[in-house]
Amino acid sequence: MSFIIDFFKEKLFKFKKIIFYYMSEIKLGKYKHYKGGTVEVLFTAHHSETLEDFVVYKALYDCRTFGKGSIWIRPKKMFLEQVNYKGKKVPRFEKID
């Protein structure tokens, strides 16, 4: 019986993650990366073949490889996800303005 409960708990958890993803609109503005850099979200875009949502943002820090102001894209799902950092789950990016 407990395996049935565990099965449905797992399905409910996955369903909540899907709902969060689709209901989460990316707001334009500044975000802080969990490692400390600040970025500015410019807009969202869609992949032409897969239709996956992407976030397009600009580095407001001096990137070693590409310099300050370099433009980046990241899948929306990854932009919104929680990451493990120093033993805690934290948002990859957090809105600061």
C-alpha atoms as a PDB file:
ATOM      1  CA  MET A   1       0.000   0.000   0.000  1.00  0.00           C
ATOM      2  CA  SER A   2       2.825   2.438   0.820  1.00  0.00           C
ATOM      3  CA  PHE A   3       4.300   1.998  -2.673  1.00  0.00           C
ATOM      4  CA  ILE A   4       1.013   3.348  -4.090  1.00  0.00           C
ATOM      5  CA  ILE A   5       1.202   6.393  -1.813  1.00  0.00           C
ATOM      6  CA  ASP A   6       4.855   6.934  -2.774  1.00  0.00           C
ATOM      7  CA  PHE A   7       3.947   6.616  -6.457  1.00  0.00           C
ATOM      8  CA  PHE A   8       1.272   9.318  -6.190  1.00  0.00           C
ATOM      9  CA  LYS A   9       3.483  11.581  -4.077  1.00  0.00           C
ATOM     10  CA  GLU A  10       6.122  11.422  -6.796  1.00  0.00           C
ATOM     11  CA  LYS A  11       3.559  12.178  -9.515  1.00  0.00           C
ATOM     12  CA  LEU A  12       2.161  15.108  -7.508  1.00  0.00           C
ATOM     13  CA  PHE A  13       5.655  16.522  -6.990  1.00  0.00           C
ATOM     14  CA  LYS A  14       6.382  16.359 -10.745  1.00  0.00           C
ATOM     15  CA  PHE A  15       3.003  17.916 -11.531  1.00  0.00           C
ATOM     16  CA  LYS A  16       3.700  20.832  -9.148  1.00  0.00           C
ATOM     17  CA  LYS A  17       7.061  21.434 -10.840  1.00  0.00           C
ATOM     18  CA  ILE A  18       5.395  21.507 -14.265  1.00  0.00           C
ATOM     19  CA  ILE A  19       2.699  23.932 -13.066  1.00  0.00           C
ATOM     20  CA  PHE A  20       5.342  26.204 -11.492  1.00  0.00           C
ATOM     21  CA  TYR A  21       7.328  26.225 -14.726  1.00  0.00           C
ATOM     22  CA  TYR A  22       4.418  27.198 -16.962  1.00  0.00           C
ATOM     23  CA  MET A  23       2.971  29.746 -14.550  1.00  0.00           C
ATOM     24  CA  SER A  24       6.319  31.431 -13.944  1.00  0.00           C
ATOM     25  CA  GLU A  25       6.654  34.437 -16.145  1.00  0.00           C
ATOM     26  CA  ILE A  26      10.092  35.930 -16.395  1.00  0.00           C
ATOM     27  CA  LYS A  27       9.989  39.613 -15.514  1.00  0.00           C
ATOM     28  CA  LEU A  28      12.454  41.927 -17.224  1.00  0.00           C
ATOM     29  CA  GLY A  29      15.032  43.509 -14.968  1.00  0.00           C
ATOM     30  CA  LYS A  30      18.021  42.664 -12.834  1.00  0.00           C
ATOM     31  CA  TYR A  31      18.688  39.284 -11.265  1.00  0.00           C
ATOM     32  CA  LYS A  32      21.448  38.036  -9.011  1.00  0.00           C
ATOM     33  CA  HIS A  33      23.071  34.719  -9.883  1.00  0.00           C
ATOM     34  CA  TYR A  34      23.535  32.395  -6.916  1.00  0.00           C
ATOM     35  CA  LYS A  35      27.323  32.719  -7.293  1.00  0.00           C
ATOM     36  CA  GLY A  36      27.128  36.509  -7.067  1.00  0.00           C
ATOM     37  CA  GLY A  37      27.082  38.016 -10.573  1.00  0.00           C
ATOM     38  CA  THR A  38      24.285  40.370 -11.612  1.00  0.00           C
ATOM     39  CA  VAL A  39      22.526  40.040 -14.953  1.00  0.00           C
ATOM     40  CA  GLU A  40      19.777  41.938 -16.755  1.00  0.00           C
ATOM     41  CA  VAL A  41      17.010  39.933 -18.402  1.00  0.00           C
ATOM     42  CA  LEU A  42      16.354  41.506 -21.799  1.00  0.00           C
ATOM     43  CA  PHE A  43      13.591  39.272 -23.139  1.00  0.00           C
ATOM     44  CA  THR A  44      12.454  35.699 -23.614  1.00  0.00           C
ATOM     45  CA  ALA A  45      12.673  33.739 -26.848  1.00  0.00           C
ATOM     46  CA  HIS A  46      11.599  30.405 -28.315  1.00  0.00           C
ATOM     47  CA  HIS A  47      13.744  27.793 -30.039  1.00  0.00           C
ATOM     48  CA  SER A  48      12.719  27.614 -33.696  1.00  0.00           C
ATOM     49  CA  GLU A  49      12.666  23.814 -33.844  1.00  0.00           C
ATOM     50  CA  THR A  50      11.705  22.623 -30.362  1.00  0.00           C
ATOM     51  CA  LEU A  51       9.695  25.703 -29.255  1.00  0.00           C
ATOM     52  CA  GLU A  52      11.514  25.518 -25.902  1.00  0.00           C
ATOM     53  CA  ASP A  53      11.420  28.802 -23.957  1.00  0.00           C
ATOM     54  CA  PHE A  54      14.708  30.631 -23.383  1.00  0.00           C
ATOM     55  CA  VAL A  55      15.729  33.643 -21.310  1.00  0.00           C
ATOM     56  CA  VAL A  56      18.064  36.151 -22.971  1.00  0.00           C
ATOM     57  CA  TYR A  57      20.160  38.188 -20.564  1.00  0.00           C
ATOM     58  CA  LYS A  58      23.168  40.495 -20.374  1.00  0.00           C
ATOM     59  CA  ALA A  59      26.075  40.151 -17.945  1.00  0.00           C
ATOM     60  CA  LEU A  60      26.404  43.264 -15.776  1.00  0.00           C
ATOM     61  CA  TYR A  61      29.642  41.914 -14.341  1.00  0.00           C
ATOM     62  CA  ASP A  62      33.039  41.585 -15.986  1.00  0.00           C
ATOM     63  CA  CYS A  63      32.956  38.089 -17.482  1.00  0.00           C
ATOM     64  CA  ARG A  64      36.505  36.708 -17.751  1.00  0.00           C
ATOM     65  CA  THR A  65      35.948  35.150 -21.158  1.00  0.00           C
ATOM     66  CA  PHE A  66      33.529  37.508 -22.918  1.00  0.00           C
ATOM     67  CA  GLY A  67      33.662  40.777 -20.945  1.00  0.00           C
ATOM     68  CA  LYS A  68      31.032  43.007 -19.372  1.00  0.00           C
ATOM     69  CA  GLY A  69      27.814  43.294 -21.351  1.00  0.00           C
ATOM     70  CA  SER A  70      28.098  39.891 -23.012  1.00  0.00           C
ATOM     71  CA  ILE A  71      24.756  38.395 -24.061  1.00  0.00           C
ATOM     72  CA  TRP A  72      23.681  34.952 -22.860  1.00  0.00           C
ATOM     73  CA  ILE A  73      20.747  32.609 -23.317  1.00  0.00           C
ATOM     74  CA  ARG A  74      19.585  29.904 -20.959  1.00  0.00           C
ATOM     75  CA  PRO A  75      16.576  27.584 -21.084  1.00  0.00           C
ATOM     76  CA  LYS A  76      13.742  29.077 -19.023  1.00  0.00           C
ATOM     77  CA  LYS A  77      13.468  25.849 -17.073  1.00  0.00           C
ATOM     78  CA  MET A  78      17.121  26.111 -16.047  1.00  0.00           C
ATOM     79  CA  PHE A  79      16.855  29.855 -15.322  1.00  0.00           C
ATOM     80  CA  LEU A  80      14.014  29.173 -12.844  1.00  0.00           C
ATOM     81  CA  GLU A  81      15.416  26.045 -11.221  1.00  0.00           C
ATOM     82  CA  GLN A  82      16.767  25.571  -7.733  1.00  0.00           C
ATOM     83  CA  VAL A  83      20.408  24.533  -7.386  1.00  0.00           C
ATOM     84  CA  ASN A  84      22.385  23.012  -4.532  1.00  0.00           C
ATOM     85  CA  TYR A  85      24.816  25.598  -3.188  1.00  0.00           C
ATOM     86  CA  LYS A  86      26.769  25.159   0.022  1.00  0.00           C
ATOM     87  CA  GLY A  87      24.379  22.461   1.175  1.00  0.00           C
ATOM     88  CA  LYS A  88      21.180  24.440   0.487  1.00  0.00           C
ATOM     89  CA  LYS A  89      18.644  24.617  -2.326  1.00  0.00           C
ATOM     90  CA  VAL A  90      18.692  28.165  -3.712  1.00  0.00           C
ATOM     91  CA  PRO A  91      17.277  29.760  -6.860  1.00  0.00           C
ATOM     92  CA  ARG A  92      19.774  29.926  -9.727  1.00  0.00           C
ATOM     93  CA  PHE A  93      18.668  33.537 -10.338  1.00  0.00           C
ATOM     94  CA  GLU A  94      16.821  35.821  -7.936  1.00  0.00           C
ATOM     95  CA  LYS A  95      15.057  39.041  -9.004  1.00  0.00           C
ATOM     96  CA  ILE A  96      16.612  42.081  -7.320  1.00  0.00           C
ATOM     97  CA  ASP A  97      14.645  45.007  -8.781  1.00  0.00           C
END
